[in-house]
Amino acid sequence: MTQTEINQGQMIVKVGLAAVRPAEFIVLQLTQDVVPG
């Protein structure tokens, strides 16, 4: 996460998964806006 994303209230999670075959690599990016209660 960058400082800009933190200032905008964003939480970003990136998850990398290596599949059974070496040529396959899956990247999931989840973004959620975090708004103070």
Protein backbone atom coordinates (compact mmCIF):
# COMPACT_ATOMS: atom_id res chain seq x y z
CA MET A 1 0.00 0.00 0.00
CA THR A 2 1.14 3.49 -0.76
CA GLN A 3 0.73 6.54 1.47
CA THR A 4 -1.81 7.94 -1.00
CA GLU A 5 -3.99 4.84 -0.67
CA ILE A 6 -3.78 5.06 3.13
CA ASN A 7 -4.75 8.75 3.03
CA GLN A 8 -7.74 7.89 0.81
CA GLY A 9 -8.88 5.28 3.33
CA GLN A 10 -8.28 2.27 1.09
CA MET A 11 -7.20 -1.14 2.30
CA ILE A 12 -5.63 -3.27 -0.44
CA VAL A 13 -4.78 -6.95 -0.07
CA LYS A 14 -2.89 -8.83 -2.78
CA VAL A 15 -2.71 -12.62 -2.66
CA GLY A 16 -0.57 -14.70 -5.03
CA LEU A 17 -1.31 -18.38 -5.61
CA ALA A 18 0.96 -20.80 -7.43
CA ALA A 19 -1.15 -23.47 -9.11
CA VAL A 20 -0.09 -27.05 -9.71
CA ARG A 21 1.38 -26.22 -13.12
CA PRO A 22 4.48 -23.98 -12.96
CA ALA A 23 3.19 -21.78 -15.79
CA GLU A 24 0.11 -20.77 -13.79
CA PHE A 25 0.21 -18.03 -11.20
CA ILE A 26 -2.95 -16.36 -9.99
CA VAL A 27 -2.98 -12.91 -8.38
CA LEU A 28 -6.07 -11.70 -6.56
CA GLN A 29 -6.37 -8.06 -5.54
CA LEU A 30 -9.07 -7.05 -3.08
CA THR A 31 -9.75 -3.37 -2.41
CA GLN A 32 -12.01 -2.04 0.32
CA ASP A 33 -12.73 1.57 1.16
CA VAL A 34 -12.33 2.06 4.89
CA VAL A 35 -14.59 4.84 6.12
CA PRO A 36 -14.26 5.98 9.74
CA GLY A 37 -17.36 4.97 11.77
